[in-house]
C-alpha atoms as a PDB file:
ATOM      1  CA  MET A   1     -71.436 -24.895  90.900  1.00  0.00           C
ATOM      2  CA  HIS A   2     -71.932 -24.690  87.256  1.00  0.00           C
ATOM      3  CA  GLU A   3     -67.943 -24.654  86.717  1.00  0.00           C
ATOM      4  CA  LEU A   4     -67.864 -28.177  87.291  1.00  0.00           C
ATOM      5  CA  SER A   5     -70.214 -28.480  83.909  1.00  0.00           C
ATOM      6  CA  ILE A   6     -67.877 -26.377  82.192  1.00  0.00           C
ATOM      7  CA  ALA A   7     -65.026 -28.397  83.319  1.00  0.00           C
ATOM      8  CA  ARG A   8     -66.837 -31.405  82.184  1.00  0.00           C
ATOM      9  CA  SER A   9     -67.497 -30.140  78.521  1.00  0.00           C
ATOM     10  CA  VAL A  10     -63.756 -28.792  78.511  1.00  0.00           C
ATOM     11  CA  ILE A  11     -62.506 -32.095  79.159  1.00  0.00           C
ATOM     12  CA  ASP A  12     -65.016 -33.777  76.709  1.00  0.00           C
ATOM     13  CA  LEU A  13     -64.149 -31.896  73.843  1.00  0.00           C
ATOM     14  CA  ALA A  14     -60.214 -31.875  74.740  1.00  0.00           C
ATOM     15  CA  VAL A  15     -60.139 -35.860  74.455  1.00  0.00           C
ATOM     16  CA  LYS A  16     -62.647 -35.813  71.439  1.00  0.00           C
ATOM     17  CA  ASN A  17     -60.676 -33.436  69.486  1.00  0.00           C
ATOM     18  CA  CYS A  18     -57.433 -35.653  70.630  1.00  0.00           C
ATOM     19  CA  LEU A  19     -58.591 -38.838  69.854  1.00  0.00           C
ATOM     20  CA  ASP A  20     -60.104 -37.704  66.876  1.00  0.00           C
ATOM     21  CA  ASN A  21     -56.650 -36.813  65.459  1.00  0.00           C
ATOM     22  CA  GLY A  22     -54.287 -39.736  67.041  1.00  0.00           C
ATOM     23  CA  THR A  23     -53.316 -38.227  70.274  1.00  0.00           C
ATOM     24  CA  THR A  24     -53.429 -40.150  73.392  1.00  0.00           C
ATOM     25  CA  THR A  25     -51.820 -37.592  76.164  1.00  0.00           C
ATOM     26  CA  ILE A  26     -52.962 -34.106  76.590  1.00  0.00           C
ATOM     27  CA  GLU A  27     -50.559 -32.028  78.973  1.00  0.00           C
ATOM     28  CA  LYS A  28     -51.973 -28.618  78.905  1.00  0.00           C
ATOM     29  CA  ILE A  29     -55.351 -26.855  78.250  1.00  0.00           C
ATOM     30  CA  ILE A  30     -55.689 -23.162  77.646  1.00  0.00           C
ATOM     31  CA  LEU A  31     -58.774 -20.999  78.381  1.00  0.00           C
ATOM     32  CA  SER A  32     -59.743 -17.825  77.668  1.00  0.00           C
ATOM     33  CA  ILE A  33     -62.548 -16.616  80.247  1.00  0.00           C
ATOM     34  CA  GLY A  34     -64.037 -13.261  80.305  1.00  0.00           C
ATOM     35  CA  ALA A  35     -64.698 -11.247  83.608  1.00  0.00           C
ATOM     36  CA  ALA A  36     -67.720 -10.767  82.671  1.00  0.00           C
ATOM     37  CA  SER A  37     -68.620 -14.500  81.843  1.00  0.00           C
ATOM     38  CA  GLY A  38     -70.095 -15.801  85.263  1.00  0.00           C
ATOM     39  CA  VAL A  39     -67.115 -18.233  85.599  1.00  0.00           C
ATOM     40  CA  MET A  40     -64.967 -18.476  88.876  1.00  0.00           C
ATOM     41  CA  PRO A  41     -61.486 -19.636  87.335  1.00  0.00           C
ATOM     42  CA  GLU A  42     -60.550 -21.292  90.975  1.00  0.00           C
ATOM     43  CA  ALA A  43     -63.547 -23.414  90.691  1.00  0.00           C
ATOM     44  CA  LEU A  44     -63.075 -24.146  87.359  1.00  0.00           C
ATOM     45  CA  SER A  45     -59.879 -25.301  88.391  1.00  0.00           C
ATOM     46  CA  PHE A  46     -60.918 -27.279  91.067  1.00  0.00           C
ATOM     47  CA  ALA A  47     -63.474 -29.008  89.176  1.00  0.00           C
ATOM     48  CA  PHE A  48     -60.992 -29.525  86.067  1.00  0.00           C
ATOM     49  CA  ASP A  49     -58.794 -31.092  88.065  1.00  0.00           C
ATOM     50  CA  VAL A  50     -61.317 -33.863  89.825  1.00  0.00           C
ATOM     51  CA  ILE A  51     -62.661 -34.635  86.517  1.00  0.00           C
ATOM     52  CA  LYS A  52     -59.480 -35.141  84.017  1.00  0.00           C
ATOM     53  CA  GLN A  53     -58.669 -38.414  86.738  1.00  0.00           C
ATOM     54  CA  GLY A  54     -58.857 -41.351  84.514  1.00  0.00           C
ATOM     55  CA  THR A  55     -58.655 -39.408  81.268  1.00  0.00           C
ATOM     56  CA  ILE A  56     -56.043 -38.816  78.578  1.00  0.00           C
ATOM     57  CA  ALA A  57     -55.991 -35.339  80.157  1.00  0.00           C
ATOM     58  CA  GLY A  58     -55.381 -36.891  83.779  1.00  0.00           C
ATOM     59  CA  GLY A  59     -51.958 -35.254  83.902  1.00  0.00           C
ATOM     60  CA  ALA A  60     -52.882 -32.203  82.210  1.00  0.00           C
ATOM     61  CA  ALA A  61     -52.670 -28.714  83.327  1.00  0.00           C
ATOM     62  CA  LEU A  62     -55.622 -25.763  83.071  1.00  0.00           C
ATOM     63  CA  CYS A  63     -54.319 -22.612  82.296  1.00  0.00           C
ATOM     64  CA  ILE A  64     -56.615 -19.953  82.142  1.00  0.00           C
ATOM     65  CA  ASN A  65     -56.167 -16.346  80.520  1.00  0.00           C
ATOM     66  CA  THR A  66     -58.870 -13.774  82.076  1.00  0.00           C
ATOM     67  CA  VAL A  67     -60.126 -11.030  79.387  1.00  0.00           C
ATOM     68  CA  PRO A  68     -61.208  -8.106  80.647  1.00  0.00           C
ATOM     69  CA  VAL A  69     -64.817  -6.606  80.380  1.00  0.00           C
ATOM     70  CA  SER A  70     -64.537  -4.105  77.664  1.00  0.00           C
ATOM     71  CA  GLY A  71     -66.949  -1.171  76.202  1.00  0.00           C
ATOM     72  CA  VAL A  72     -68.046   1.747  74.142  1.00  0.00           C
ATOM     73  CA  CYS A  73     -69.242   5.123  75.319  1.00  0.00           C
ATOM     74  CA  SER A  74     -72.661   6.072  73.286  1.00  0.00           C
ATOM     75  CA  ASP A  75     -71.714   9.751  73.962  1.00  0.00           C
ATOM     76  CA  CYS A  76     -68.184  10.397  73.440  1.00  0.00           C
ATOM     77  CA  THR A  77     -67.600   7.439  71.042  1.00  0.00           C
ATOM     78  CA  LYS A  78     -64.566   5.882  72.842  1.00  0.00           C
ATOM     79  CA  GLU A  79     -63.625   2.428  73.712  1.00  0.00           C
ATOM     80  CA  PHE A  80     -62.503   1.625  76.819  1.00  0.00           C
ATOM     81  CA  VAL A  81     -61.034  -1.785  78.676  1.00  0.00           C
ATOM     82  CA  SER A  82     -62.029  -2.174  82.793  1.00  0.00           C
ATOM     83  CA  HIS A  83     -59.529  -4.216  84.640  1.00  0.00           C
ATOM     84  CA  ASP A  84     -61.766  -3.730  87.450  1.00  0.00           C
ATOM     85  CA  GLY A  85     -63.963  -6.606  86.881  1.00  0.00           C
ATOM     86  CA  TYR A  86     -67.296  -6.230  85.243  1.00  0.00           C
ATOM     87  CA  PHE A  87     -68.776  -3.308  87.458  1.00  0.00           C
ATOM     88  CA  ILE A  88     -68.682  -0.356  85.088  1.00  0.00           C
ATOM     89  CA  ILE A  89     -70.880   2.455  85.905  1.00  0.00           C
ATOM     90  CA  ASN A  90     -69.835   5.188  84.087  1.00  0.00           C
ATOM     91  CA  CYS A  91     -67.255   6.170  80.835  1.00  0.00           C
ATOM     92  CA  PRO A  92     -63.758   5.889  82.538  1.00  0.00           C
ATOM     93  CA  HIS A  93     -63.451   8.729  79.186  1.00  0.00           C
ATOM     94  CA  CYS A  94     -66.176  11.292  79.917  1.00  0.00           C
ATOM     95  CA  ASN A  95     -67.939  10.088  83.163  1.00  0.00           C
ATOM     96  CA  SER A  96     -71.115   9.364  81.104  1.00  0.00           C
ATOM     97  CA  ALA A  97     -73.857   5.975  81.811  1.00  0.00           C
ATOM     98  CA  ALA A  98     -74.531   5.841  78.245  1.00  0.00           C
ATOM     99  CA  ILE A  99     -72.459   2.434  77.857  1.00  0.00           C
ATOM    100  CA  THR A 100     -72.338  -0.242  75.984  1.00  0.00           C
ATOM    101  CA  VAL A 101     -70.349  -3.736  77.342  1.00  0.00           C
ATOM    102  CA  THR A 102     -68.769  -5.561  74.274  1.00  0.00           C
ATOM    103  CA  GLY A 103     -66.776  -7.455  75.641  1.00  0.00           C
ATOM    104  CA  GLY A 104     -65.478  -9.514  78.385  1.00  0.00           C
ATOM    105  CA  PHE A 105     -68.014 -12.490  78.305  1.00  0.00           C
ATOM    106  CA  ASP A 106     -65.502 -15.358  76.883  1.00  0.00           C
ATOM    107  CA  LEU A 107     -65.352 -18.879  77.101  1.00  0.00           C
ATOM    108  CA  ASP A 108     -62.997 -19.818  74.969  1.00  0.00           C
ATOM    109  CA  MET A 109     -60.952 -22.937  74.570  1.00  0.00           C
ATOM    110  CA  VAL A 110     -57.675 -21.462  72.997  1.00  0.00           C
ATOM    111  CA  GLU A 111     -55.104 -24.626  72.638  1.00  0.00           C
ATOM    112  CA  ILE A 112     -54.789 -27.958  73.460  1.00  0.00           C
ATOM    113  CA  ASP A 113     -51.195 -29.319  74.386  1.00  0.00           C
ATOM    114  CA  VAL A 114     -50.492 -32.812  73.341  1.00  0.00           C
ATOM    115  CA  GLU A 115     -47.452 -35.156  73.898  1.00  0.00           C
END
């Protein structure tokens, strides 16, 4: 369950950032996670709730924004976004299999809300 180590890294990074800036309470952490990242949001939320205990993020909420998979077709050169997850087989515009996935692998801390 790599979500446990991701949750630990998120908490550690947020706590360090806040303590370095004189903040002592984290209220919310917002993450952006790509649909193709391999991260399971539910498992990450569960791990986050366990790991945050005893830190300045103990009462913090975790908000996860999912970034859809995007790509480009080599044949028609059109870009596309898939809201059906990572399983893109053909271009939605021309049905070509000559596609390149260009986005949806994100795992970014977007915002830390503090008291």
